[in-house]
Amino acid sequence: MDQKISLKIAGRAYNLTVSTPEMEQLYRRAADNINNRFAKYTKEHPGKNIQDLLSMVALSETVLRLGIQKELETSKSDELQLEQDLARYLKETGK
Protein backbone atom coordinates (compact mmCIF):
# COMPACT_ATOMS: atom_id res chain seq x y z
CA MET A 1 0.00 0.00 0.00
CA ASP A 2 1.55 3.28 -1.12
CA GLN A 3 2.08 5.99 1.44
CA LYS A 4 2.81 9.66 0.86
CA ILE A 5 5.66 11.18 2.83
CA SER A 6 7.32 14.56 2.93
CA LEU A 7 11.07 15.01 3.33
CA LYS A 8 13.14 18.13 3.75
CA ILE A 9 16.49 18.25 2.00
CA ALA A 10 18.63 21.36 2.29
CA GLY A 11 15.61 23.28 3.57
CA ARG A 12 13.35 22.31 0.68
CA ALA A 13 10.34 19.99 1.05
CA TYR A 14 9.84 17.03 -1.27
CA ASN A 15 6.66 14.97 -1.42
CA LEU A 16 7.22 11.33 -2.27
CA THR A 17 5.29 8.09 -2.40
CA VAL A 18 6.75 4.95 -0.84
CA SER A 19 5.47 1.41 -1.02
CA THR A 20 6.46 0.03 2.38
CA PRO A 21 7.33 1.24 5.88
CA GLU A 22 10.86 -0.10 5.28
CA MET A 23 11.22 2.12 2.20
CA GLU A 24 9.95 5.10 4.18
CA GLN A 25 12.62 4.45 6.80
CA LEU A 26 15.31 4.22 4.09
CA TYR A 27 14.18 7.49 2.50
CA ARG A 28 14.13 9.26 5.85
CA ARG A 29 17.59 7.96 6.76
CA ALA A 30 18.88 9.00 3.33
CA ALA A 31 17.45 12.50 3.77
CA ASP A 32 19.04 12.74 7.23
CA ASN A 33 22.37 11.63 5.79
CA ILE A 34 22.17 14.18 2.98
CA ASN A 35 21.21 16.97 5.40
CA ASN A 36 24.08 16.09 7.75
CA ARG A 37 26.61 16.17 4.92
CA PHE A 38 25.04 19.34 3.55
CA ALA A 39 25.40 21.01 6.96
CA LYS A 40 29.01 19.85 7.19
CA TYR A 41 29.88 21.22 3.74
CA THR A 42 27.98 24.45 4.44
CA LYS A 43 30.13 24.96 7.54
CA GLU A 44 33.37 24.00 5.77
CA HIS A 45 32.68 26.07 2.64
CA PRO A 46 30.82 29.23 3.62
CA GLY A 47 29.62 31.28 0.69
CA LYS A 48 29.16 28.32 -1.67
CA ASN A 49 25.75 28.15 -3.30
CA ILE A 50 23.29 25.36 -2.60
CA GLN A 51 23.87 23.69 -5.96
CA ASP A 52 27.62 23.45 -5.34
CA LEU A 53 27.08 22.09 -1.84
CA LEU A 54 24.55 19.50 -2.98
CA SER A 55 26.90 18.51 -5.81
CA MET A 56 29.62 17.89 -3.22
CA VAL A 57 27.17 15.81 -1.16
CA ALA A 58 26.19 13.79 -4.25
CA LEU A 59 29.84 13.22 -5.14
CA SER A 60 30.86 12.11 -1.65
CA GLU A 61 27.85 9.78 -1.32
CA THR A 62 28.52 8.25 -4.74
CA VAL A 63 32.21 7.70 -3.95
CA LEU A 64 31.19 6.03 -0.68
CA ARG A 65 28.64 3.80 -2.46
CA LEU A 66 31.14 2.82 -5.17
CA GLY A 67 33.72 1.94 -2.51
CA ILE A 68 31.23 -0.28 -0.71
CA GLN A 69 30.19 -1.85 -4.02
CA LYS A 70 33.83 -2.66 -4.80
CA GLU A 71 34.31 -4.21 -1.35
CA LEU A 72 31.19 -6.33 -1.89
CA GLU A 73 32.47 -7.55 -5.25
CA THR A 74 35.81 -8.44 -3.65
CA SER A 75 34.02 -10.28 -0.85
CA LYS A 76 31.94 -12.25 -3.36
CA SER A 77 35.07 -13.18 -5.28
CA ASP A 78 36.79 -14.27 -2.05
CA GLU A 79 33.72 -16.32 -1.10
CA LEU A 80 33.71 -18.08 -4.47
CA GLN A 81 37.42 -18.85 -4.15
CA LEU A 82 36.91 -20.29 -0.67
CA GLU A 83 34.04 -22.45 -1.90
CA GLN A 84 36.22 -23.76 -4.72
CA ASP A 85 39.11 -24.43 -2.34
CA LEU A 86 36.79 -26.27 0.05
CA ALA A 87 35.30 -28.38 -2.75
CA ARG A 88 38.80 -29.26 -4.00
CA TYR A 89 39.95 -30.15 -0.47
CA LEU A 90 36.90 -32.35 0.16
CA LYS A 91 37.42 -34.09 -3.17
CA GLU A 92 41.12 -34.71 -2.46
CA THR A 93 40.43 -36.07 1.01
CA GLY A 94 37.61 -38.27 -0.25
CA LYS A 95 34.92 -36.67 1.88
PDB file of N, CA and C in Angstrom:
ATOM      1  N   MET A   1       0.847  -1.181   0.000  1.00  0.00           N
ATOM      2  CA  MET A   1       0.000   0.000   0.000  1.00  0.00           C
ATOM      3  C   MET A   1       0.889   1.240   0.000  1.00  0.00           C
ATOM      4  N   ASP A   2       0.726   2.085  -0.998  1.00  0.00           N
ATOM      5  CA  ASP A   2       1.547   3.281  -1.119  1.00  0.00           C
ATOM      6  C   ASP A   2       1.196   4.299  -0.044  1.00  0.00           C
ATOM      7  N   GLN A   3       2.252   4.980   0.406  1.00  0.00           N
ATOM      8  CA  GLN A   3       2.082   5.994   1.443  1.00  0.00           C
ATOM      9  C   GLN A   3       2.818   7.252   1.007  1.00  0.00           C
ATOM     10  N   LYS A   4       2.185   8.383   1.195  1.00  0.00           N
ATOM     11  CA  LYS A   4       2.808   9.657   0.855  1.00  0.00           C
ATOM     12  C   LYS A   4       3.597  10.157   2.060  1.00  0.00           C
ATOM     13  N   ILE A   5       4.821  10.612   1.783  1.00  0.00           N
ATOM     14  CA  ILE A   5       5.659  11.182   2.831  1.00  0.00           C
ATOM     15  C   ILE A   5       6.233  12.500   2.335  1.00  0.00           C
ATOM     16  N   SER A   6       6.681  13.295   3.258  1.00  0.00           N
ATOM     17  CA  SER A   6       7.325  14.557   2.930  1.00  0.00           C
ATOM     18  C   SER A   6       8.691  14.582   3.599  1.00  0.00           C
ATOM     19  N   LEU A   7       9.704  14.921   2.811  1.00  0.00           N
ATOM     20  CA  LEU A   7      11.073  15.008   3.331  1.00  0.00           C
ATOM     21  C   LEU A   7      11.613  16.399   3.062  1.00  0.00           C
ATOM     22  N   LYS A   8      12.453  16.869   3.964  1.00  0.00           N
ATOM     23  CA  LYS A   8      13.144  18.133   3.750  1.00  0.00           C
ATOM     24  C   LYS A   8      14.613  17.831   3.473  1.00  0.00           C
ATOM     25  N   ILE A   9      15.084  18.376   2.360  1.00  0.00           N
ATOM     26  CA  ILE A   9      16.490  18.247   2.003  1.00  0.00           C
ATOM     27  C   ILE A   9      17.010  19.642   1.705  1.00  0.00           C
ATOM     28  N   ALA A  10      18.030  20.027   2.440  1.00  0.00           N
ATOM     29  CA  ALA A  10      18.632  21.357   2.292  1.00  0.00           C
ATOM     30  C   ALA A  10      17.570  22.456   2.394  1.00  0.00           C
ATOM     31  N   GLY A  11      16.615  22.263   3.312  1.00  0.00           N
ATOM     32  CA  GLY A  11      15.609  23.277   3.565  1.00  0.00           C
ATOM     33  C   GLY A  11      14.438  23.282   2.606  1.00  0.00           C
ATOM     34  N   ARG A  12      14.432  22.360   1.663  1.00  0.00           N
ATOM     35  CA  ARG A  12      13.346  22.309   0.679  1.00  0.00           C
ATOM     36  C   ARG A  12      12.543  21.027   0.865  1.00  0.00           C
ATOM     37  N   ALA A  13      11.215  21.145   0.830  1.00  0.00           N
ATOM     38  CA  ALA A  13      10.338  19.986   1.046  1.00  0.00           C
ATOM     39  C   ALA A  13      10.113  19.233  -0.260  1.00  0.00           C
ATOM     40  N   TYR A  14      10.109  17.912  -0.136  1.00  0.00           N
ATOM     41  CA  TYR A  14       9.844  17.035  -1.269  1.00  0.00           C
ATOM     42  C   TYR A  14       8.776  16.030  -0.859  1.00  0.00           C
ATOM     43  N   ASN A  15       7.737  15.934  -1.667  1.00  0.00           N
ATOM     44  CA  ASN A  15       6.665  14.974  -1.420  1.00  0.00           C
ATOM     45  C   ASN A  15       6.927  13.732  -2.265  1.00  0.00           C
ATOM     46  N   LEU A  16       6.927  12.590  -1.603  1.00  0.00           N
ATOM     47  CA  LEU A  16       7.224  11.327  -2.267  1.00  0.00           C
ATOM     48  C   LEU A  16       6.171  10.298  -1.911  1.00  0.00           C
ATOM     49  N   THR A  17       6.141   9.231  -2.683  1.00  0.00           N
ATOM     50  CA  THR A  17       5.290   8.093  -2.399  1.00  0.00           C
ATOM     51  C   THR A  17       6.184   6.877  -2.217  1.00  0.00           C
ATOM     52  N   VAL A  18       5.980   6.162  -1.116  1.00  0.00           N
ATOM     53  CA  VAL A  18       6.753   4.948  -0.838  1.00  0.00           C
ATOM     54  C   VAL A  18       5.799   3.774  -0.717  1.00  0.00           C
ATOM     55  N   SER A  19       6.337   2.583  -0.977  1.00  0.00           N
ATOM     56  CA  SER A  19       5.470   1.409  -1.020  1.00  0.00           C
ATOM     57  C   SER A  19       5.417   0.629   0.281  1.00  0.00           C
ATOM     58  N   THR A  20       6.441   0.783   1.131  1.00  0.00           N
ATOM     59  CA  THR A  20       6.464   0.027   2.382  1.00  0.00           C
ATOM     60  C   THR A  20       7.024   0.890   3.510  1.00  0.00           C
ATOM     61  N   PRO A  21       6.731   0.517   4.754  1.00  0.00           N
ATOM     62  CA  PRO A  21       7.334   1.237   5.880  1.00  0.00           C
ATOM     63  C   PRO A  21       8.863   1.161   5.858  1.00  0.00           C
ATOM     64  N   GLU A  22       9.398   0.047   5.359  1.00  0.00           N
ATOM     65  CA  GLU A  22      10.862  -0.096   5.276  1.00  0.00           C
ATOM     66  C   GLU A  22      11.451   0.924   4.298  1.00  0.00           C
ATOM     67  N   MET A  23      10.752   1.135   3.172  1.00  0.00           N
ATOM     68  CA  MET A  23      11.216   2.122   2.197  1.00  0.00           C
ATOM     69  C   MET A  23      11.121   3.532   2.776  1.00  0.00           C
ATOM     70  N   GLU A  24      10.069   3.788   3.537  1.00  0.00           N
ATOM     71  CA  GLU A  24       9.950   5.095   4.184  1.00  0.00           C
ATOM     72  C   GLU A  24      11.143   5.333   5.105  1.00  0.00           C
ATOM     73  N   GLN A  25      11.487   4.324   5.881  1.00  0.00           N
ATOM     74  CA  GLN A  25      12.620   4.453   6.797  1.00  0.00           C
ATOM     75  C   GLN A  25      13.917   4.703   6.018  1.00  0.00           C
ATOM     76  N   LEU A  26      14.110   4.008   4.904  1.00  0.00           N
ATOM     77  CA  LEU A  26      15.310   4.223   4.093  1.00  0.00           C
ATOM     78  C   LEU A  26      15.359   5.640   3.535  1.00  0.00           C
ATOM     79  N   TYR A  27      14.227   6.118   3.038  1.00  0.00           N
ATOM     80  CA  TYR A  27      14.183   7.487   2.495  1.00  0.00           C
ATOM     81  C   TYR A  27      14.469   8.511   3.586  1.00  0.00           C
ATOM     82  N   ARG A  28      13.906   8.304   4.762  1.00  0.00           N
ATOM     83  CA  ARG A  28      14.133   9.257   5.852  1.00  0.00           C
ATOM     84  C   ARG A  28      15.597   9.239   6.307  1.00  0.00           C
ATOM     85  N   ARG A  29      16.176   8.058   6.384  1.00  0.00           N
ATOM     86  CA  ARG A  29      17.593   7.962   6.759  1.00  0.00           C
ATOM     87  C   ARG A  29      18.478   8.601   5.693  1.00  0.00           C
ATOM     88  N   ALA A  30      18.122   8.389   4.425  1.00  0.00           N
ATOM     89  CA  ALA A  30      18.884   8.997   3.330  1.00  0.00           C
ATOM     90  C   ALA A  30      18.808  10.524   3.409  1.00  0.00           C
ATOM     91  N   ALA A  31      17.611  11.048   3.650  1.00  0.00           N
ATOM     92  CA  ALA A  31      17.446  12.502   3.766  1.00  0.00           C
ATOM     93  C   ALA A  31      18.252  13.041   4.946  1.00  0.00           C
ATOM     94  N   ASP A  32      18.242  12.327   6.064  1.00  0.00           N
ATOM     95  CA  ASP A  32      19.044  12.743   7.227  1.00  0.00           C
ATOM     96  C   ASP A  32      20.529  12.759   6.878  1.00  0.00           C
ATOM     97  N   ASN A  33      20.971  11.716   6.182  1.00  0.00           N
ATOM     98  CA  ASN A  33      22.370  11.630   5.789  1.00  0.00           C
ATOM     99  C   ASN A  33      22.748  12.802   4.879  1.00  0.00           C
ATOM    100  N   ILE A  34      21.914  13.067   3.896  1.00  0.00           N
ATOM    101  CA  ILE A  34      22.168  14.185   2.984  1.00  0.00           C
ATOM    102  C   ILE A  34      22.206  15.497   3.753  1.00  0.00           C
ATOM    103  N   ASN A  35      21.246  15.715   4.636  1.00  0.00           N
ATOM    104  CA  ASN A  35      21.206  16.968   5.400  1.00  0.00           C
ATOM    105  C   ASN A  35      22.416  17.118   6.311  1.00  0.00           C
ATOM    106  N   ASN A  36      22.878  16.024   6.899  1.00  0.00           N
ATOM    107  CA  ASN A  36      24.076  16.087   7.747  1.00  0.00           C
ATOM    108  C   ASN A  36      25.306  16.454   6.933  1.00  0.00           C
ATOM    109  N   ARG A  37      25.469  15.825   5.785  1.00  0.00           N
ATOM    110  CA  ARG A  37      26.612  16.168   4.922  1.00  0.00           C
ATOM    111  C   ARG A  37      26.491  17.595   4.397  1.00  0.00           C
ATOM    112  N   PHE A  38      25.271  17.982   4.045  1.00  0.00           N
ATOM    113  CA  PHE A  38      25.037  19.339   3.555  1.00  0.00           C
ATOM    114  C   PHE A  38      25.437  20.355   4.622  1.00  0.00           C
ATOM    115  N   ALA A  39      25.039  20.104   5.861  1.00  0.00           N
ATOM    116  CA  ALA A  39      25.395  21.014   6.964  1.00  0.00           C
ATOM    117  C   ALA A  39      26.908  21.059   7.152  1.00  0.00           C
ATOM    118  N   LYS A  40      27.556  19.909   7.045  1.00  0.00           N
ATOM    119  CA  LYS A  40      29.015  19.848   7.187  1.00  0.00           C
ATOM    120  C   LYS A  40      29.694  20.673   6.097  1.00  0.00           C
ATOM    121  N   TYR A  41      29.267  20.477   4.845  1.00  0.00           N
ATOM    122  CA  TYR A  41      29.879  21.221   3.739  1.00  0.00           C
ATOM    123  C   TYR A  41      29.546  22.704   3.809  1.00  0.00           C
ATOM    124  N   THR A  42      28.351  23.043   4.283  1.00  0.00           N
ATOM    125  CA  THR A  42      27.984  24.451   4.440  1.00  0.00           C
ATOM    126  C   THR A  42      28.920  25.128   5.436  1.00  0.00           C
ATOM    127  N   LYS A  43      29.230  24.413   6.511  1.00  0.00           N
ATOM    128  CA  LYS A  43      30.132  24.960   7.540  1.00  0.00           C
ATOM    129  C   LYS A  43      31.565  25.059   7.022  1.00  0.00           C
ATOM    130  N   GLU A  44      31.992  24.037   6.277  1.00  0.00           N
ATOM    131  CA  GLU A  44      33.374  23.997   5.773  1.00  0.00           C
ATOM    132  C   GLU A  44      33.609  24.942   4.596  1.00  0.00           C
ATOM    133  N   HIS A  45      32.549  25.244   3.843  1.00  0.00           N
ATOM    134  CA  HIS A  45      32.685  26.066   2.638  1.00  0.00           C
ATOM    135  C   HIS A  45      31.649  27.181   2.638  1.00  0.00           C
ATOM    136  N   PRO A  46      31.796  28.131   3.567  1.00  0.00           N
ATOM    137  CA  PRO A  46      30.823  29.227   3.616  1.00  0.00           C
ATOM    138  C   PRO A  46      30.855  30.031   2.317  1.00  0.00           C
ATOM    139  N   GLY A  47      29.692  30.470   1.900  1.00  0.00           N
ATOM    140  CA  GLY A  47      29.615  31.276   0.688  1.00  0.00           C
ATOM    141  C   GLY A  47      29.328  30.479  -0.567  1.00  0.00           C
ATOM    142  N   LYS A  48      29.479  29.155  -0.502  1.00  0.00           N
ATOM    143  CA  LYS A  48      29.157  28.321  -1.668  1.00  0.00           C
ATOM    144  C   LYS A  48      27.647  28.284  -1.836  1.00  0.00           C
ATOM    145  N   ASN A  49      27.198  28.200  -3.088  1.00  0.00           N
ATOM    146  CA  ASN A  49      25.749  28.146  -3.297  1.00  0.00           C
ATOM    147  C   ASN A  49      25.229  26.730  -3.064  1.00  0.00           C
ATOM    148  N   ILE A  50      23.917  26.636  -2.933  1.00  0.00           N
ATOM    149  CA  ILE A  50      23.285  25.357  -2.600  1.00  0.00           C
ATOM    150  C   ILE A  50      23.602  24.296  -3.642  1.00  0.00           C
ATOM    151  N   GLN A  51      23.601  24.673  -4.898  1.00  0.00           N
ATOM    152  CA  GLN A  51      23.874  23.692  -5.958  1.00  0.00           C
ATOM    153  C   GLN A  51      25.279  23.104  -5.809  1.00  0.00           C
ATOM    154  N   ASP A  52      26.256  23.946  -5.526  1.00  0.00           N
ATOM    155  CA  ASP A  52      27.621  23.452  -5.335  1.00  0.00           C
ATOM    156  C   ASP A  52      27.700  22.524  -4.127  1.00  0.00           C
ATOM    157  N   LEU A  53      27.054  22.913  -3.046  1.00  0.00           N
ATOM    158  CA  LEU A  53      27.082  22.086  -1.835  1.00  0.00           C
ATOM    159  C   LEU A  53      26.397  20.743  -2.052  1.00  0.00           C
ATOM    160  N   LEU A  54      25.243  20.757  -2.706  1.00  0.00           N
ATOM    161  CA  LEU A  54      24.548  19.499  -2.977  1.00  0.00           C
ATOM    162  C   LEU A  54      25.330  18.634  -3.969  1.00  0.00           C
ATOM    163  N   SER A  55      26.040  19.269  -4.894  1.00  0.00           N
ATOM    164  CA  SER A  55      26.898  18.507  -5.808  1.00  0.00           C
ATOM    165  C   SER A  55      28.011  17.813  -5.040  1.00  0.00           C
ATOM    166  N   MET A  56      28.575  18.495  -4.053  1.00  0.00           N
ATOM    167  CA  MET A  56      29.619  17.894  -3.221  1.00  0.00           C
ATOM    168  C   MET A  56      29.055  16.732  -2.408  1.00  0.00           C
ATOM    169  N   VAL A  57      27.831  16.891  -1.897  1.00  0.00           N
ATOM    170  CA  VAL A  57      27.171  15.811  -1.164  1.00  0.00           C
ATOM    171  C   VAL A  57      26.964  14.618  -2.092  1.00  0.00           C
ATOM    172  N   ALA A  58      26.440  14.872  -3.291  1.00  0.00           N
ATOM    173  CA  ALA A  58      26.192  13.787  -4.247  1.00  0.00           C
ATOM    174  C   ALA A  58      27.487  13.067  -4.597  1.00  0.00           C
ATOM    175  N   LEU A  59      28.554  13.824  -4.811  1.00  0.00           N
ATOM    176  CA  LEU A  59      29.839  13.216  -5.143  1.00  0.00           C
ATOM    177  C   LEU A  59      30.355  12.357  -4.001  1.00  0.00           C
ATOM    178  N   SER A  60      30.328  12.868  -2.786  1.00  0.00           N
ATOM    179  CA  SER A  60      30.861  12.107  -1.650  1.00  0.00           C
ATOM    180  C   SER A  60      30.032  10.849  -1.395  1.00  0.00           C
ATOM    181  N   GLU A  61      28.706  10.946  -1.521  1.00  0.00           N
ATOM    182  CA  GLU A  61      27.847   9.781  -1.324  1.00  0.00           C
ATOM    183  C   GLU A  61      28.078   8.738  -2.413  1.00  0.00           C
ATOM    184  N   THR A  62      28.282   9.188  -3.634  1.00  0.00           N
ATOM    185  CA  THR A  62      28.519   8.254  -4.737  1.00  0.00           C
ATOM    186  C   THR A  62      29.872   7.566  -4.582  1.00  0.00           C
ATOM    187  N   VAL A  63      30.892   8.299  -4.186  1.00  0.00           N
ATOM    188  CA  VAL A  63      32.206   7.696  -3.946  1.00  0.00           C
ATOM    189  C   VAL A  63      32.105   6.650  -2.839  1.00  0.00           C
ATOM    190  N   LEU A  64      31.389   6.977  -1.783  1.00  0.00           N
ATOM    191  CA  LEU A  64      31.192   6.033  -0.685  1.00  0.00           C
ATOM    192  C   LEU A  64      30.476   4.770  -1.179  1.00  0.00           C
ATOM    193  N   ARG A  65      29.408   4.945  -1.943  1.00  0.00           N
ATOM    194  CA  ARG A  65      28.640   3.804  -2.465  1.00  0.00           C
ATOM    195  C   ARG A  65      29.496   2.951  -3.386  1.00  0.00           C
ATOM    196  N   LEU A  66      30.281   3.579  -4.256  1.00  0.00           N
ATOM    197  CA  LEU A  66      31.136   2.816  -5.168  1.00  0.00           C
ATOM    198  C   LEU A  66      32.214   2.048  -4.417  1.00  0.00           C
ATOM    199  N   GLY A  67      32.738   2.637  -3.342  1.00  0.00           N
ATOM    200  CA  GLY A  67      33.718   1.939  -2.513  1.00  0.00           C
ATOM    201  C   GLY A  67      33.117   0.709  -1.856  1.00  0.00           C
ATOM    202  N   ILE A  68      31.920   0.852  -1.344  1.00  0.00           N
ATOM    203  CA  ILE A  68      31.234  -0.280  -0.713  1.00  0.00           C
ATOM    204  C   ILE A  68      30.916  -1.343  -1.757  1.00  0.00           C
ATOM    205  N   GLN A  69      30.496  -0.906  -2.936  1.00  0.00           N
ATOM    206  CA  GLN A  69      30.188  -1.847  -4.016  1.00  0.00           C
ATOM    207  C   GLN A  69      31.437  -2.639  -4.405  1.00  0.00           C
ATOM    208  N   LYS A  70      32.580  -1.972  -4.467  1.00  0.00           N
ATOM    209  CA  LYS A  70      33.832  -2.658  -4.799  1.00  0.00           C
ATOM    210  C   LYS A  70      34.190  -3.669  -3.711  1.00  0.00           C
ATOM    211  N   GLU A  71      34.034  -3.283  -2.453  1.00  0.00           N
ATOM    212  CA  GLU A  71      34.305  -4.210  -1.347  1.00  0.00           C
ATOM    213  C   GLU A  71      33.396  -5.428  -1.418  1.00  0.00           C
ATOM    214  N   LEU A  72      32.132  -5.225  -1.771  1.00  0.00           N
ATOM    215  CA  LEU A  72      31.191  -6.330  -1.889  1.00  0.00           C
ATOM    216  C   LEU A  72      31.605  -7.274  -3.015  1.00  0.00           C
ATOM    217  N   GLU A  73      32.012  -6.719  -4.137  1.00  0.00           N
ATOM    218  CA  GLU A  73      32.465  -7.547  -5.251  1.00  0.00           C
ATOM    219  C   GLU A  73      33.692  -8.358  -4.853  1.00  0.00           C
ATOM    220  N   THR A  74      34.616  -7.743  -4.128  1.00  0.00           N
ATOM    221  CA  THR A  74      35.810  -8.438  -3.654  1.00  0.00           C
ATOM    222  C   THR A  74      35.423  -9.554  -2.695  1.00  0.00           C
ATOM    223  N   SER A  75      34.482  -9.267  -1.808  1.00  0.00           N
ATOM    224  CA  SER A  75      34.023 -10.282  -0.851  1.00  0.00           C
ATOM    225  C   SER A  75      33.379 -11.467  -1.569  1.00  0.00           C
ATOM    226  N   LYS A  76      32.574 -11.179  -2.597  1.00  0.00           N
ATOM    227  CA  LYS A  76      31.938 -12.252  -3.359  1.00  0.00           C
ATOM    228  C   LYS A  76      32.982 -13.093  -4.073  1.00  0.00           C
ATOM    229  N   SER A  77      34.000 -12.452  -4.602  1.00  0.00           N
ATOM    230  CA  SER A  77      35.075 -13.177  -5.278  1.00  0.00           C
ATOM    231  C   SER A  77      35.832 -14.050  -4.286  1.00  0.00           C
ATOM    232  N   ASP A  78      36.115 -13.506  -3.101  1.00  0.00           N
ATOM    233  CA  ASP A  78      36.786 -14.274  -2.053  1.00  0.00           C
ATOM    234  C   ASP A  78      35.936 -15.457  -1.614  1.00  0.00           C
ATOM    235  N   GLU A  79      34.633 -15.246  -1.499  1.00  0.00           N
ATOM    236  CA  GLU A  79      33.722 -16.319  -1.100  1.00  0.00           C
ATOM    237  C   GLU A  79      33.731 -17.438  -2.141  1.00  0.00           C
ATOM    238  N   LEU A  80      33.690 -17.081  -3.406  1.00  0.00           N
ATOM    239  CA  LEU A  80      33.714 -18.079  -4.471  1.00  0.00           C
ATOM    240  C   LEU A  80      35.019 -18.867  -4.437  1.00  0.00           C
ATOM    241  N   GLN A  81      36.124 -18.170  -4.221  1.00  0.00           N
ATOM    242  CA  GLN A  81      37.422 -18.848  -4.151  1.00  0.00           C
ATOM    243  C   GLN A  81      37.465 -19.818  -2.973  1.00  0.00           C
ATOM    244  N   LEU A  82      36.947 -19.402  -1.836  1.00  0.00           N
ATOM    245  CA  LEU A  82      36.915 -20.289  -0.668  1.00  0.00           C
ATOM    246  C   LEU A  82      36.039 -21.515  -0.918  1.00  0.00           C
ATOM    247  N   GLU A  83      34.910 -21.318  -1.577  1.00  0.00           N
ATOM    248  CA  GLU A  83      34.040 -22.453  -1.902  1.00  0.00           C
ATOM    249  C   GLU A  83      34.755 -23.432  -2.826  1.00  0.00           C
ATOM    250  N   GLN A  84      35.474 -22.902  -3.801  1.00  0.00           N
ATOM    251  CA  GLN A  84      36.223 -23.762  -4.719  1.00  0.00           C
ATOM    252  C   GLN A  84      37.341 -24.498  -3.991  1.00  0.00           C
ATOM    253  N   ASP A  85      38.038 -23.809  -3.119  1.00  0.00           N
ATOM    254  CA  ASP A  85      39.109 -24.435  -2.339  1.00  0.00           C
ATOM    255  C   ASP A  85      38.552 -25.540  -1.447  1.00  0.00           C
ATOM    256  N   LEU A  86      37.414 -25.275  -0.815  1.00  0.00           N
ATOM    257  CA  LEU A  86      36.793 -26.275   0.050  1.00  0.00           C
ATOM    258  C   LEU A  86      36.359 -27.493  -0.757  1.00  0.00           C
ATOM    259  N   ALA A  87      35.739 -27.266  -1.898  1.00  0.00           N
ATOM    260  CA  ALA A  87      35.301 -28.380  -2.749  1.00  0.00           C
ATOM    261  C   ALA A  87      36.496 -29.211  -3.197  1.00  0.00           C
ATOM    262  N   ARG A  88      37.578 -28.559  -3.580  1.00  0.00           N
ATOM    263  CA  ARG A  88      38.798 -29.265  -4.001  1.00  0.00           C
ATOM    264  C   ARG A  88      39.374 -30.060  -2.834  1.00  0.00           C
ATOM    265  N   TYR A  89      39.421 -29.472  -1.658  1.00  0.00           N
ATOM    266  CA  TYR A  89      39.946 -30.151  -0.467  1.00  0.00           C
ATOM    267  C   TYR A  89      39.110 -31.386  -0.142  1.00  0.00           C
ATOM    268  N   LEU A  90      37.784 -31.217  -0.152  1.00  0.00           N
ATOM    269  CA  LEU A  90      36.900 -32.349   0.163  1.00  0.00           C
ATOM    270  C   LEU A  90      37.049 -33.453  -0.876  1.00  0.00           C
ATOM    271  N   LYS A  91      37.230 -33.090  -2.111  1.00  0.00           N
ATOM    272  CA  LYS A  91      37.417 -34.087  -3.174  1.00  0.00           C
ATOM    273  C   LYS A  91      38.736 -34.826  -2.984  1.00  0.00           C
ATOM    274  N   GLU A  92      39.795 -34.098  -2.640  1.00  0.00           N
ATOM    275  CA  GLU A  92      41.118 -34.707  -2.461  1.00  0.00           C
ATOM    276  C   GLU A  92      41.167 -35.615  -1.233  1.00  0.00           C
ATOM    277  N   THR A  93      40.414 -35.274  -0.209  1.00  0.00           N
ATOM    278  CA  THR A  93      40.430 -36.073   1.011  1.00  0.00           C
ATOM    279  C   THR A  93      39.385 -37.184   0.972  1.00  0.00           C
ATOM    280  N   GLY A  94      38.596 -37.219  -0.095  1.00  0.00           N
ATOM    281  CA  GLY A  94      37.606 -38.273  -0.250  1.00  0.00           C
ATOM    282  C   GLY A  94      36.382 -38.099   0.615  1.00  0.00           C
ATOM    283  N   LYS A  95      36.102 -36.927   1.028  1.00  0.00           N
ATOM    284  CA  LYS A  95      34.924 -36.673   1.882  1.00  0.00           C
ATOM    285  C   LYS A  95      33.802 -36.106   1.101  1.00  0.00           C
TER     286      LYS A  95
END
